[in-house]
Amino acid sequence: MNKKLVMSLTTFAVLAAAVGFLLSGADRVFDWRLAGGLFAFALIGELARLKIRRGRARSSQSSKI
């Protein structure tokens, strides 16, 4: 697994947890839906970035043949 991807997703997980805790409201219950939604959004973005990067690498490699 890519070390940069793991570090990026770890950072997003910590940020999503912090936002979920800070915006939990007056009852101070952790907002799982908000934190999970933010992390899912970050995960989709990172996977799309990885797919685009791999697609560019394949197209540049095949054009050299």
PDB file of N, CA and C in Angstrom:
ATOM      1  N   MET A   1       0.844  -1.185   0.000  1.00  0.00           N
ATOM      2  CA  MET A   1       0.000   0.000   0.000  1.00  0.00           C
ATOM      3  C   MET A   1       0.885   1.243   0.000  1.00  0.00           C
ATOM      4  N   ASN A   2       0.410   2.245  -0.644  1.00  0.00           N
ATOM      5  CA  ASN A   2       1.160   3.477  -0.807  1.00  0.00           C
ATOM      6  C   ASN A   2       1.243   4.242   0.524  1.00  0.00           C
ATOM      7  N   LYS A   3       2.448   4.606   0.934  1.00  0.00           N
ATOM      8  CA  LYS A   3       2.645   5.292   2.201  1.00  0.00           C
ATOM      9  C   LYS A   3       1.982   6.672   2.203  1.00  0.00           C
ATOM     10  N   LYS A   4       2.026   7.345   1.052  1.00  0.00           N
ATOM     11  CA  LYS A   4       1.402   8.673   0.950  1.00  0.00           C
ATOM     12  C   LYS A   4      -0.112   8.573   1.100  1.00  0.00           C
ATOM     13  N   LEU A   5      -0.716   7.541   0.529  1.00  0.00           N
ATOM     14  CA  LEU A   5      -2.160   7.333   0.648  1.00  0.00           C
ATOM     15  C   LEU A   5      -2.557   7.068   2.095  1.00  0.00           C
ATOM     16  N   VAL A   6      -1.787   6.248   2.784  1.00  0.00           N
ATOM     17  CA  VAL A   6      -2.082   5.929   4.185  1.00  0.00           C
ATOM     18  C   VAL A   6      -1.967   7.178   5.059  1.00  0.00           C
ATOM     19  N   MET A   7      -0.939   7.969   4.841  1.00  0.00           N
ATOM     20  CA  MET A   7      -0.770   9.196   5.626  1.00  0.00           C
ATOM     21  C   MET A   7      -1.902  10.186   5.352  1.00  0.00           C
ATOM     22  N   SER A   8      -2.298  10.300   4.106  1.00  0.00           N
ATOM     23  CA  SER A   8      -3.375  11.206   3.736  1.00  0.00           C
ATOM     24  C   SER A   8      -4.696  10.782   4.372  1.00  0.00           C
ATOM     25  N   LEU A   9      -5.017   9.499   4.297  1.00  0.00           N
ATOM     26  CA  LEU A   9      -6.266   9.013   4.874  1.00  0.00           C
ATOM     27  C   LEU A   9      -6.255   9.089   6.401  1.00  0.00           C
ATOM     28  N   THR A  10      -5.100   8.888   7.016  1.00  0.00           N
ATOM     29  CA  THR A  10      -4.992   9.043   8.465  1.00  0.00           C
ATOM     30  C   THR A  10      -5.239  10.481   8.868  1.00  0.00           C
ATOM     31  N   THR A  11      -4.678  11.415   8.124  1.00  0.00           N
ATOM     32  CA  THR A  11      -4.889  12.837   8.407  1.00  0.00           C
ATOM     33  C   THR A  11      -6.359  13.194   8.262  1.00  0.00           C
ATOM     34  N   PHE A  12      -7.001  12.721   7.196  1.00  0.00           N
ATOM     35  CA  PHE A  12      -8.417  13.006   6.999  1.00  0.00           C
ATOM     36  C   PHE A  12      -9.271  12.365   8.086  1.00  0.00           C
ATOM     37  N   ALA A  13      -8.900  11.183   8.554  1.00  0.00           N
ATOM     38  CA  ALA A  13      -9.658  10.525   9.619  1.00  0.00           C
ATOM     39  C   ALA A  13      -9.582  11.326  10.915  1.00  0.00           C
ATOM     40  N   VAL A  14      -8.401  11.839  11.233  1.00  0.00           N
ATOM     41  CA  VAL A  14      -8.237  12.643  12.449  1.00  0.00           C
ATOM     42  C   VAL A  14      -9.020  13.943  12.324  1.00  0.00           C
ATOM     43  N   LEU A  15      -8.947  14.583  11.161  1.00  0.00           N
ATOM     44  CA  LEU A  15      -9.695  15.822  10.960  1.00  0.00           C
ATOM     45  C   LEU A  15     -11.203  15.589  11.013  1.00  0.00           C
ATOM     46  N   ALA A  16     -11.678  14.507  10.418  1.00  0.00           N
ATOM     47  CA  ALA A  16     -13.107  14.199  10.457  1.00  0.00           C
ATOM     48  C   ALA A  16     -13.565  13.913  11.885  1.00  0.00           C
ATOM     49  N   ALA A  17     -12.742  13.217  12.658  1.00  0.00           N
ATOM     50  CA  ALA A  17     -13.085  12.947  14.056  1.00  0.00           C
ATOM     51  C   ALA A  17     -13.123  14.231  14.869  1.00  0.00           C
ATOM     52  N   ALA A  18     -12.184  15.135  14.619  1.00  0.00           N
ATOM     53  CA  ALA A  18     -12.168  16.402  15.343  1.00  0.00           C
ATOM     54  C   ALA A  18     -13.404  17.234  15.007  1.00  0.00           C
ATOM     55  N   VAL A  19     -13.765  17.285  13.745  1.00  0.00           N
ATOM     56  CA  VAL A  19     -14.962  18.034  13.343  1.00  0.00           C
ATOM     57  C   VAL A  19     -16.211  17.382  13.921  1.00  0.00           C
ATOM     58  N   GLY A  20     -16.279  16.064  13.911  1.00  0.00           N
ATOM     59  CA  GLY A  20     -17.415  15.356  14.501  1.00  0.00           C
ATOM     60  C   GLY A  20     -17.555  15.622  15.981  1.00  0.00           C
ATOM     61  N   PHE A  21     -16.456  15.745  16.670  1.00  0.00           N
ATOM     62  CA  PHE A  21     -16.497  16.046  18.103  1.00  0.00           C
ATOM     63  C   PHE A  21     -16.864  17.507  18.352  1.00  0.00           C
ATOM     64  N   LEU A  22     -16.261  18.420  17.579  1.00  0.00           N
ATOM     65  CA  LEU A  22     -16.511  19.843  17.800  1.00  0.00           C
ATOM     66  C   LEU A  22     -17.931  20.263  17.430  1.00  0.00           C
ATOM     67  N   LEU A  23     -18.507  19.626  16.442  1.00  0.00           N
ATOM     68  CA  LEU A  23     -19.858  19.990  16.008  1.00  0.00           C
ATOM     69  C   LEU A  23     -20.922  19.039  16.538  1.00  0.00           C
ATOM     70  N   SER A  24     -20.624  18.342  17.608  1.00  0.00           N
ATOM     71  CA  SER A  24     -21.541  17.339  18.138  1.00  0.00           C
ATOM     72  C   SER A  24     -22.766  17.947  18.804  1.00  0.00           C
ATOM     73  N   GLY A  25     -22.693  19.183  19.237  1.00  0.00           N
ATOM     74  CA  GLY A  25     -23.849  19.824  19.833  1.00  0.00           C
ATOM     75  C   GLY A  25     -23.742  19.921  21.341  1.00  0.00           C
ATOM     76  N   ALA A  26     -24.847  20.326  21.959  1.00  0.00           N
ATOM     77  CA  ALA A  26     -24.851  20.590  23.396  1.00  0.00           C
ATOM     78  C   ALA A  26     -24.789  19.305  24.221  1.00  0.00           C
ATOM     79  N   ASP A  27     -25.278  18.198  23.691  1.00  0.00           N
ATOM     80  CA  ASP A  27     -25.293  16.958  24.469  1.00  0.00           C
ATOM     81  C   ASP A  27     -23.943  16.259  24.494  1.00  0.00           C
ATOM     82  N   ARG A  28     -22.983  16.752  23.692  1.00  0.00           N
ATOM     83  CA  ARG A  28     -21.609  16.245  23.663  1.00  0.00           C
ATOM     84  C   ARG A  28     -21.505  14.770  23.298  1.00  0.00           C
ATOM     85  N   VAL A  29     -22.418  14.322  22.449  1.00  0.00           N
ATOM     86  CA  VAL A  29     -22.340  12.973  21.892  1.00  0.00           C
ATOM     87  C   VAL A  29     -21.652  13.097  20.547  1.00  0.00           C
ATOM     88  N   PHE A  30     -20.714  12.238  20.290  1.00  0.00           N
ATOM     89  CA  PHE A  30     -19.946  12.299  19.051  1.00  0.00           C
ATOM     90  C   PHE A  30     -20.879  12.139  17.860  1.00  0.00           C
ATOM     91  N   ASP A  31     -20.739  12.997  16.875  1.00  0.00           N
ATOM     92  CA  ASP A  31     -21.579  12.962  15.680  1.00  0.00           C
ATOM     93  C   ASP A  31     -20.946  12.025  14.642  1.00  0.00           C
ATOM     94  N   TRP A  32     -21.362  10.766  14.675  1.00  0.00           N
ATOM     95  CA  TRP A  32     -20.788   9.753  13.799  1.00  0.00           C
ATOM     96  C   TRP A  32     -21.154   9.974  12.342  1.00  0.00           C
ATOM     97  N   ARG A  33     -22.384  10.447  12.085  1.00  0.00           N
ATOM     98  CA  ARG A  33     -22.799  10.649  10.691  1.00  0.00           C
ATOM     99  C   ARG A  33     -21.986  11.746  10.027  1.00  0.00           C
ATOM    100  N   LEU A  34     -21.741  12.812  10.738  1.00  0.00           N
ATOM    101  CA  LEU A  34     -20.954  13.906  10.173  1.00  0.00           C
ATOM    102  C   LEU A  34     -19.511  13.470   9.930  1.00  0.00           C
ATOM    103  N   ALA A  35     -18.906  12.856  10.928  1.00  0.00           N
ATOM    104  CA  ALA A  35     -17.513  12.413  10.792  1.00  0.00           C
ATOM    105  C   ALA A  35     -17.377  11.340   9.711  1.00  0.00           C
ATOM    106  N   GLY A  36     -18.310  10.413   9.676  1.00  0.00           N
ATOM    107  CA  GLY A  36     -18.266   9.367   8.660  1.00  0.00           C
ATOM    108  C   GLY A  36     -18.474   9.918   7.263  1.00  0.00           C
ATOM    109  N   GLY A  37     -19.361  10.879   7.138  1.00  0.00           N
ATOM    110  CA  GLY A  37     -19.595  11.498   5.839  1.00  0.00           C
ATOM    111  C   GLY A  37     -18.385  12.262   5.343  1.00  0.00           C
ATOM    112  N   LEU A  38     -17.748  12.992   6.236  1.00  0.00           N
ATOM    113  CA  LEU A  38     -16.538  13.717   5.850  1.00  0.00           C
ATOM    114  C   LEU A  38     -15.420  12.765   5.447  1.00  0.00           C
ATOM    115  N   PHE A  39     -15.269  11.683   6.189  1.00  0.00           N
ATOM    116  CA  PHE A  39     -14.223  10.725   5.854  1.00  0.00           C
ATOM    117  C   PHE A  39     -14.541  10.008   4.543  1.00  0.00           C
ATOM    118  N   ALA A  40     -15.815   9.689   4.314  1.00  0.00           N
ATOM    119  CA  ALA A  40     -16.196   9.043   3.057  1.00  0.00           C
ATOM    120  C   ALA A  40     -15.911   9.964   1.875  1.00  0.00           C
ATOM    121  N   PHE A  41     -16.188  11.250   2.035  1.00  0.00           N
ATOM    122  CA  PHE A  41     -15.905  12.218   0.986  1.00  0.00           C
ATOM    123  C   PHE A  41     -14.397  12.270   0.696  1.00  0.00           C
ATOM    124  N   ALA A  42     -13.580  12.265   1.743  1.00  0.00           N
ATOM    125  CA  ALA A  42     -12.129  12.274   1.569  1.00  0.00           C
ATOM    126  C   ALA A  42     -11.642  10.973   0.932  1.00  0.00           C
ATOM    127  N   LEU A  43     -12.226   9.858   1.316  1.00  0.00           N
ATOM    128  CA  LEU A  43     -11.836   8.564   0.763  1.00  0.00           C
ATOM    129  C   LEU A  43     -12.154   8.491  -0.729  1.00  0.00           C
ATOM    130  N   ILE A  44     -13.328   8.962  -1.116  1.00  0.00           N
ATOM    131  CA  ILE A  44     -13.700   8.968  -2.535  1.00  0.00           C
ATOM    132  C   ILE A  44     -12.748   9.856  -3.326  1.00  0.00           C
ATOM    133  N   GLY A  45     -12.398  11.010  -2.775  1.00  0.00           N
ATOM    134  CA  GLY A  45     -11.474  11.909  -3.453  1.00  0.00           C
ATOM    135  C   GLY A  45     -10.090  11.316  -3.618  1.00  0.00           C
ATOM    136  N   GLU A  46      -9.601  10.665  -2.588  1.00  0.00           N
ATOM    137  CA  GLU A  46      -8.273  10.047  -2.669  1.00  0.00           C
ATOM    138  C   GLU A  46      -8.260   8.879  -3.650  1.00  0.00           C
ATOM    139  N   LEU A  47      -9.307   8.085  -3.656  1.00  0.00           N
ATOM    140  CA  LEU A  47      -9.360   6.967  -4.599  1.00  0.00           C
ATOM    141  C   LEU A  47      -9.487   7.462  -6.039  1.00  0.00           C
ATOM    142  N   ALA A  48     -10.232   8.536  -6.247  1.00  0.00           N
ATOM    143  CA  ALA A  48     -10.332   9.116  -7.590  1.00  0.00           C
ATOM    144  C   ALA A  48      -8.982   9.662  -8.034  1.00  0.00           C
ATOM    145  N   ARG A  49      -8.265  10.321  -7.132  1.00  0.00           N
ATOM    146  CA  ARG A  49      -6.941  10.846  -7.459  1.00  0.00           C
ATOM    147  C   ARG A  49      -5.983   9.710  -7.812  1.00  0.00           C
ATOM    148  N   LEU A  50      -6.044   8.624  -7.070  1.00  0.00           N
ATOM    149  CA  LEU A  50      -5.189   7.473  -7.337  1.00  0.00           C
ATOM    150  C   LEU A  50      -5.524   6.841  -8.687  1.00  0.00           C
ATOM    151  N   LYS A  51      -6.810   6.735  -9.008  1.00  0.00           N
ATOM    152  CA  LYS A  51      -7.217   6.157 -10.285  1.00  0.00           C
ATOM    153  C   LYS A  51      -6.789   7.036 -11.451  1.00  0.00           C
ATOM    154  N   ILE A  52      -6.922   8.347 -11.304  1.00  0.00           N
ATOM    155  CA  ILE A  52      -6.495   9.265 -12.358  1.00  0.00           C
ATOM    156  C   ILE A  52      -4.991   9.164 -12.570  1.00  0.00           C
ATOM    157  N   ARG A  53      -4.253   9.109 -11.482  1.00  0.00           N
ATOM    158  CA  ARG A  53      -2.793   9.018 -11.591  1.00  0.00           C
ATOM    159  C   ARG A  53      -2.366   7.725 -12.283  1.00  0.00           C
ATOM    160  N   ARG A  54      -3.013   6.609 -11.943  1.00  0.00           N
ATOM    161  CA  ARG A  54      -2.675   5.334 -12.581  1.00  0.00           C
ATOM    162  C   ARG A  54      -3.067   5.337 -14.047  1.00  0.00           C
ATOM    163  N   GLY A  55      -4.187   5.971 -14.364  1.00  0.00           N
ATOM    164  CA  GLY A  55      -4.611   6.056 -15.764  1.00  0.00           C
ATOM    165  C   GLY A  55      -3.641   6.868 -16.596  1.00  0.00           C
ATOM    166  N   ARG A  56      -3.133   7.949 -16.045  1.00  0.00           N
ATOM    167  CA  ARG A  56      -2.142   8.756 -16.759  1.00  0.00           C
ATOM    168  C   ARG A  56      -0.845   7.994 -16.948  1.00  0.00           C
ATOM    169  N   ALA A  57      -0.457   7.222 -15.936  1.00  0.00           N
ATOM    170  CA  ALA A  57       0.783   6.446 -16.047  1.00  0.00           C
ATOM    171  C   ALA A  57       0.646   5.372 -17.120  1.00  0.00           C
ATOM    172  N   ARG A  58      -0.510   4.742 -17.194  1.00  0.00           N
ATOM    173  CA  ARG A  58      -0.717   3.714 -18.219  1.00  0.00           C
ATOM    174  C   ARG A  58      -0.737   4.321 -19.612  1.00  0.00           C
ATOM    175  N   SER A  59      -1.384   5.483 -19.766  1.00  0.00           N
ATOM    176  CA  SER A  59      -1.473   6.074 -21.098  1.00  0.00           C
ATOM    177  C   SER A  59      -0.113   6.588 -21.562  1.00  0.00           C
ATOM    178  N   SER A  60       0.685   7.110 -20.667  1.00  0.00           N
ATOM    179  CA  SER A  60       2.000   7.578 -21.070  1.00  0.00           C
ATOM    180  C   SER A  60       2.938   6.411 -21.375  1.00  0.00           C
ATOM    181  N   GLN A  61       2.745   5.300 -20.666  1.00  0.00           N
ATOM    182  CA  GLN A  61       3.562   4.120 -20.906  1.00  0.00           C
ATOM    183  C   GLN A  61       3.186   3.468 -22.244  1.00  0.00           C
ATOM    184  N   SER A  62       1.906   3.423 -22.551  1.00  0.00           N
ATOM    185  CA  SER A  62       1.491   2.786 -23.803  1.00  0.00           C
ATOM    186  C   SER A  62       1.795   3.648 -25.024  1.00  0.00           C
ATOM    187  N   SER A  63       1.915   4.956 -24.860  1.00  0.00           N
ATOM    188  CA  SER A  63       2.202   5.815 -25.991  1.00  0.00           C
ATOM    189  C   SER A  63       3.676   5.750 -26.404  1.00  0.00           C
ATOM    190  N   LYS A  64       4.525   5.225 -25.544  1.00  0.00           N
ATOM    191  CA  LYS A  64       5.958   5.119 -25.849  1.00  0.00           C
ATOM    192  C   LYS A  64       6.277   3.904 -26.707  1.00  0.00           C
ATOM    193  N   ILE A  65       5.333   3.011 -26.849  1.00  0.00           N
ATOM    194  CA  ILE A  65       5.580   1.781 -27.614  1.00  0.00           C
ATOM    195  C   ILE A  65       5.556   2.050 -29.089  1.00  0.00           C
TER     196      ILE A  65
END
